[in-house]
C-alpha atoms as a PDB file:
ATOM      1  CA  MET A   1      85.372 106.690 120.554  1.00  0.00           C
ATOM      2  CA  PHE A   2      86.874 104.479 117.961  1.00  0.00           C
ATOM      3  CA  PRO A   3      90.540 103.369 118.869  1.00  0.00           C
ATOM      4  CA  THR A   4      93.349 104.076 116.478  1.00  0.00           C
ATOM      5  CA  LEU A   5      96.317 101.924 116.735  1.00  0.00           C
ATOM      6  CA  GLU A   6      99.821 102.427 115.546  1.00  0.00           C
ATOM      7  CA  THR A   7     102.763 100.129 114.623  1.00  0.00           C
ATOM      8  CA  GLU A   8     106.286 100.923 113.272  1.00  0.00           C
ATOM      9  CA  ARG A   9     104.906 101.308 109.644  1.00  0.00           C
ATOM     10  CA  LEU A  10     101.259 101.253 109.977  1.00  0.00           C
ATOM     11  CA  TRP A  11      98.097 103.088 111.139  1.00  0.00           C
ATOM     12  CA  LEU A  12      95.068 101.037 112.125  1.00  0.00           C
ATOM     13  CA  ARG A  13      92.353 103.442 111.871  1.00  0.00           C
ATOM     14  CA  GLU A  14      88.358 103.836 111.572  1.00  0.00           C
ATOM     15  CA  ILE A  15      87.152 102.944 108.091  1.00  0.00           C
ATOM     16  CA  ALA A  16      85.511 105.936 106.482  1.00  0.00           C
ATOM     17  CA  LYS A  17      83.330 106.347 103.554  1.00  0.00           C
ATOM     18  CA  ASP A  18      86.359 107.774 101.700  1.00  0.00           C
ATOM     19  CA  ASP A  19      87.814 104.302 101.973  1.00  0.00           C
ATOM     20  CA  ALA A  20      85.058 102.655  99.852  1.00  0.00           C
ATOM     21  CA  GLU A  21      87.249 102.604  96.695  1.00  0.00           C
ATOM     22  CA  ASP A  22      90.142 100.983  98.509  1.00  0.00           C
ATOM     23  CA  LEU A  23      87.720  98.289 100.237  1.00  0.00           C
ATOM     24  CA  PHE A  24      86.486  97.697  96.635  1.00  0.00           C
ATOM     25  CA  ALA A  25      89.920  97.032  95.343  1.00  0.00           C
ATOM     26  CA  CYS A  26      90.460  94.313  98.132  1.00  0.00           C
ATOM     27  CA  PHE A  27      86.931  92.764  98.133  1.00  0.00           C
ATOM     28  CA  SER A  28      86.601  92.723  94.448  1.00  0.00           C
ATOM     29  CA  ASN A  29      90.141  90.938  94.060  1.00  0.00           C
ATOM     30  CA  GLU A  30      89.511  87.077  93.487  1.00  0.00           C
ATOM     31  CA  ARG A  31      92.978  86.299  95.143  1.00  0.00           C
ATOM     32  CA  VAL A  32      91.927  88.245  98.424  1.00  0.00           C
ATOM     33  CA  MET A  33      88.469  86.662  98.446  1.00  0.00           C
ATOM     34  CA  ARG A  34      89.503  83.015  97.826  1.00  0.00           C
ATOM     35  CA  PHE A  35      89.416  82.171 101.451  1.00  0.00           C
ATOM     36  CA  TYR A  36      87.230  84.833 102.671  1.00  0.00           C
ATOM     37  CA  GLY A  37      83.692  83.013 102.962  1.00  0.00           C
ATOM     38  CA  GLN A  38      82.017  85.638 100.583  1.00  0.00           C
ATOM     39  CA  GLU A  39      81.613  86.314  96.973  1.00  0.00           C
ATOM     40  CA  THR A  40      83.814  88.905  95.353  1.00  0.00           C
ATOM     41  CA  LEU A  41      82.202  92.405  95.231  1.00  0.00           C
ATOM     42  CA  GLU A  42      81.060  93.552  91.816  1.00  0.00           C
ATOM     43  CA  ARG A  43      79.941  97.111  92.444  1.00  0.00           C
ATOM     44  CA  ILE A  44      81.430  99.990  94.562  1.00  0.00           C
ATOM     45  CA  GLU A  45      77.983 100.409  96.387  1.00  0.00           C
ATOM     46  CA  GLN A  46      78.763  97.110  97.974  1.00  0.00           C
ATOM     47  CA  ALA A  47      81.973  98.451  99.418  1.00  0.00           C
ATOM     48  CA  GLU A  48      80.112 101.434 100.585  1.00  0.00           C
ATOM     49  CA  ALA A  49      77.617  99.186 102.353  1.00  0.00           C
ATOM     50  CA  PHE A  50      80.662  97.517 104.137  1.00  0.00           C
ATOM     51  CA  VAL A  51      81.817 100.866 105.688  1.00  0.00           C
ATOM     52  CA  ASP A  52      78.246 101.213 107.171  1.00  0.00           C
ATOM     53  CA  PHE A  53      78.411  97.460 108.246  1.00  0.00           C
ATOM     54  CA  PHE A  54      81.655  97.916 110.139  1.00  0.00           C
ATOM     55  CA  ALA A  55      80.251 100.966 111.827  1.00  0.00           C
ATOM     56  CA  LYS A  56      77.148  99.381 112.978  1.00  0.00           C
ATOM     57  CA  ASN A  57      78.999  96.294 114.272  1.00  0.00           C
ATOM     58  CA  TYR A  58      81.193  98.583 116.413  1.00  0.00           C
ATOM     59  CA  LYS A  59      78.226 100.726 117.710  1.00  0.00           C
ATOM     60  CA  LYS A  60      76.327  97.334 118.656  1.00  0.00           C
ATOM     61  CA  LYS A  61      79.417  95.797 120.097  1.00  0.00           C
ATOM     62  CA  ARG A  62      79.702  92.902 117.705  1.00  0.00           C
ATOM     63  CA  GLY A  63      82.704  93.669 115.919  1.00  0.00           C
ATOM     64  CA  LEU A  64      85.496  96.119 115.507  1.00  0.00           C
ATOM     65  CA  ARG A  65      87.253  96.475 112.083  1.00  0.00           C
ATOM     66  CA  TRP A  66      90.324  98.971 111.378  1.00  0.00           C
ATOM     67  CA  GLY A  67      91.568 100.062 107.994  1.00  0.00           C
ATOM     68  CA  ILE A  68      95.173  99.420 107.494  1.00  0.00           C
ATOM     69  CA  GLU A  69      97.117 102.393 106.170  1.00  0.00           C
ATOM     70  CA  ILE A  70     100.724 102.548 105.593  1.00  0.00           C
ATOM     71  CA  LYS A  71     102.125 105.656 107.283  1.00  0.00           C
ATOM     72  CA  GLY A  72     102.772 108.510 104.894  1.00  0.00           C
ATOM     73  CA  THR A  73     100.307 107.366 102.363  1.00  0.00           C
ATOM     74  CA  GLN A  74      96.706 107.988 101.792  1.00  0.00           C
ATOM     75  CA  GLY A  75      94.101 105.047 101.663  1.00  0.00           C
ATOM     76  CA  ILE A  76      93.913 101.688 103.158  1.00  0.00           C
ATOM     77  CA  ILE A  77      95.609  98.602 101.870  1.00  0.00           C
ATOM     78  CA  GLY A  78      93.165  96.224 103.736  1.00  0.00           C
ATOM     79  CA  THR A  79      91.409  95.635 106.904  1.00  0.00           C
ATOM     80  CA  ILE A  80      91.766  93.738 110.243  1.00  0.00           C
ATOM     81  CA  GLY A  81      89.641  93.402 113.230  1.00  0.00           C
ATOM     82  CA  PHE A  82      87.485  91.341 115.511  1.00  0.00           C
ATOM     83  CA  ASN A  83      84.269  89.683 114.498  1.00  0.00           C
ATOM     84  CA  ALA A  84      81.816  87.615 116.630  1.00  0.00           C
ATOM     85  CA  TRP A  85      82.775  90.088 119.489  1.00  0.00           C
ATOM     86  CA  SER A  86      81.310  88.999 122.855  1.00  0.00           C
ATOM     87  CA  PRO A  87      82.035  91.658 125.512  1.00  0.00           C
ATOM     88  CA  LYS A  88      80.321  89.412 128.170  1.00  0.00           C
ATOM     89  CA  HIS A  89      82.359  86.484 127.428  1.00  0.00           C
ATOM     90  CA  ARG A  90      85.550  88.462 126.655  1.00  0.00           C
ATOM     91  CA  ARG A  91      86.093  86.730 123.345  1.00  0.00           C
ATOM     92  CA  ALA A  92      86.236  87.563 119.684  1.00  0.00           C
ATOM     93  CA  GLU A  93      87.452  86.253 116.344  1.00  0.00           C
ATOM     94  CA  ILE A  94      90.357  87.979 114.386  1.00  0.00           C
ATOM     95  CA  GLY A  95      90.038  88.416 110.690  1.00  0.00           C
ATOM     96  CA  TYR A  96      92.159  90.214 108.207  1.00  0.00           C
ATOM     97  CA  GLU A  97      92.902  90.818 104.425  1.00  0.00           C
ATOM     98  CA  ILE A  98      95.388  92.630 102.617  1.00  0.00           C
ATOM     99  CA  HIS A  99      95.541  93.588  98.814  1.00  0.00           C
ATOM    100  CA  PRO A 100      97.846  91.261  96.912  1.00  0.00           C
ATOM    101  CA  GLU A 101     100.191  94.097  95.894  1.00  0.00           C
ATOM    102  CA  HIS A 102     101.198  94.378  99.666  1.00  0.00           C
ATOM    103  CA  TRP A 103     101.534  90.679 100.341  1.00  0.00           C
ATOM    104  CA  ARG A 104     104.779  89.242 101.836  1.00  0.00           C
ATOM    105  CA  LYS A 105     106.069  92.405 103.174  1.00  0.00           C
ATOM    106  CA  GLY A 106     105.363  91.772 106.918  1.00  0.00           C
ATOM    107  CA  TYR A 107     102.296  94.141 106.964  1.00  0.00           C
ATOM    108  CA  THR A 108      99.767  91.508 108.066  1.00  0.00           C
ATOM    109  CA  PHE A 109     102.151  90.194 110.669  1.00  0.00           C
ATOM    110  CA  GLU A 110     102.634  93.822 112.210  1.00  0.00           C
ATOM    111  CA  ALA A 111      98.921  94.492 112.178  1.00  0.00           C
ATOM    112  CA  VAL A 112      97.962  91.021 113.661  1.00  0.00           C
ATOM    113  CA  SER A 113     100.590  91.653 116.454  1.00  0.00           C
ATOM    114  CA  ARG A 114      99.210  95.044 117.383  1.00  0.00           C
ATOM    115  CA  VAL A 115      95.702  93.878 117.190  1.00  0.00           C
ATOM    116  CA  ILE A 116      96.323  90.799 119.521  1.00  0.00           C
ATOM    117  CA  GLN A 117      98.208  93.125 121.778  1.00  0.00           C
ATOM    118  CA  PHE A 118      95.265  95.679 121.978  1.00  0.00           C
ATOM    119  CA  GLY A 119      92.629  92.741 122.350  1.00  0.00           C
ATOM    120  CA  PHE A 120      94.279  91.228 125.455  1.00  0.00           C
ATOM    121  CA  ASN A 121      95.777  94.354 127.077  1.00  0.00           C
ATOM    122  CA  GLU A 122      93.161  97.192 126.217  1.00  0.00           C
ATOM    123  CA  PHE A 123      90.084  95.452 124.931  1.00  0.00           C
ATOM    124  CA  GLY A 124      89.598  93.188 127.826  1.00  0.00           C
ATOM    125  CA  LEU A 125      89.690  89.745 125.850  1.00  0.00           C
ATOM    126  CA  THR A 126      90.752  86.558 127.421  1.00  0.00           C
ATOM    127  CA  ARG A 127      90.316  84.524 124.118  1.00  0.00           C
ATOM    128  CA  ILE A 128      90.795  85.406 120.572  1.00  0.00           C
ATOM    129  CA  GLY A 129      89.698  82.737 118.087  1.00  0.00           C
ATOM    130  CA  ALA A 130      90.002  82.504 114.155  1.00  0.00           C
ATOM    131  CA  ILE A 131      88.249  80.647 111.803  1.00  0.00           C
ATOM    132  CA  VAL A 132      90.519  79.700 108.685  1.00  0.00           C
ATOM    133  CA  PHE A 133      89.852  77.825 105.507  1.00  0.00           C
ATOM    134  CA  LYS A 134      91.817  74.485 105.350  1.00  0.00           C
ATOM    135  CA  GLU A 135      93.468  75.473 102.116  1.00  0.00           C
ATOM    136  CA  ASN A 136      94.686  78.860 103.403  1.00  0.00           C
ATOM    137  CA  VAL A 137      98.157  77.705 104.567  1.00  0.00           C
ATOM    138  CA  ALA A 138      99.643  81.285 104.767  1.00  0.00           C
ATOM    139  CA  SER A 139      97.041  82.427 107.236  1.00  0.00           C
ATOM    140  CA  SER A 140      97.350  79.171 109.333  1.00  0.00           C
ATOM    141  CA  GLN A 141     101.141  79.725 109.544  1.00  0.00           C
ATOM    142  CA  LEU A 142     100.846  83.213 110.571  1.00  0.00           C
ATOM    143  CA  LEU A 143      98.506  82.443 113.303  1.00  0.00           C
ATOM    144  CA  THR A 144     100.787  79.632 114.627  1.00  0.00           C
ATOM    145  CA  LYS A 145     103.782  82.172 114.779  1.00  0.00           C
ATOM    146  CA  PHE A 146     101.704  83.990 117.371  1.00  0.00           C
ATOM    147  CA  GLY A 147     100.968  80.852 119.353  1.00  0.00           C
ATOM    148  CA  PHE A 148      97.475  80.305 118.174  1.00  0.00           C
ATOM    149  CA  GLN A 149      96.645  76.658 118.481  1.00  0.00           C
ATOM    150  CA  GLN A 150      94.486  74.543 116.161  1.00  0.00           C
ATOM    151  CA  GLU A 151      91.417  73.176 118.127  1.00  0.00           C
ATOM    152  CA  GLY A 152      89.844  71.317 115.472  1.00  0.00           C
ATOM    153  CA  ILE A 153      88.003  71.279 112.192  1.00  0.00           C
ATOM    154  CA  LEU A 154      84.543  72.661 111.333  1.00  0.00           C
ATOM    155  CA  ARG A 155      83.233  70.483 108.610  1.00  0.00           C
ATOM    156  CA  ASP A 156      81.169  71.899 105.657  1.00  0.00           C
ATOM    157  CA  TYR A 157      81.249  75.134 107.548  1.00  0.00           C
ATOM    158  CA  ILE A 158      81.523  77.943 104.877  1.00  0.00           C
ATOM    159  CA  TYR A 159      79.660  78.093 101.434  1.00  0.00           C
ATOM    160  CA  GLN A 160      81.603  80.263  98.744  1.00  0.00           C
ATOM    161  CA  ASN A 161      80.665  80.311  95.105  1.00  0.00           C
ATOM    162  CA  GLY A 162      78.474  77.410  95.574  1.00  0.00           C
ATOM    163  CA  GLN A 163      81.028  75.232  97.137  1.00  0.00           C
ATOM    164  CA  VAL A 164      81.330  74.153 100.680  1.00  0.00           C
ATOM    165  CA  TYR A 165      84.543  74.181 102.624  1.00  0.00           C
ATOM    166  CA  ASP A 166      86.042  72.815 105.906  1.00  0.00           C
ATOM    167  CA  THR A 167      87.738  75.338 108.245  1.00  0.00           C
ATOM    168  CA  ASN A 168      90.307  75.058 110.982  1.00  0.00           C
ATOM    169  CA  VAL A 169      89.508  76.551 114.274  1.00  0.00           C
ATOM    170  CA  TYR A 170      92.281  78.373 116.137  1.00  0.00           C
ATOM    171  CA  SER A 171      92.645  80.119 119.361  1.00  0.00           C
ATOM    172  CA  ILE A 172      95.123  81.903 121.681  1.00  0.00           C
ATOM    173  CA  LEU A 173      94.143  82.590 125.180  1.00  0.00           C
ATOM    174  CA  LYS A 174      95.606  85.712 127.350  1.00  0.00           C
ATOM    175  CA  ASN A 175      96.989  83.494 130.054  1.00  0.00           C
ATOM    176  CA  ASN A 176      98.713  81.037 127.522  1.00  0.00           C
ATOM    177  CA  ARG A 177     100.700  83.374 125.701  1.00  0.00           C
END
């Protein structure tokens, strides 16, 4: 059963077909996708395919993605979750994005905090990694607030819009928090 998580102001819940429009609002926004490693979405059908992709990843134990919903509202403002999940090796990479209308309100911090807690205490992870564009200073600062350490740089790691980017590699370990 898909885990639903709660924070003071947020519900982290399974992403449903009804969320396609909200997903499209995020993933078609150039400010959101600037450091995402994919091109912006151009059609709602692409967002609908994301819903299926997230569900399949969870079913096949490759990832787990929650929709971020503000309590007392309908719809999601972004997503957060684990990519590159390896149950055997007890590791995953965290990823997140929130629509710019909700930036700088502490929602990402709140969601990341809960997902890290879930990953270590309920999901059985011993390592949570993150791959971050070098230019994404806000995300790098957020991760270091939680104790993530930069492990290195992956050179020419991600192509987006025909351009190659270096990324920073971060991790936090369960026993080193």
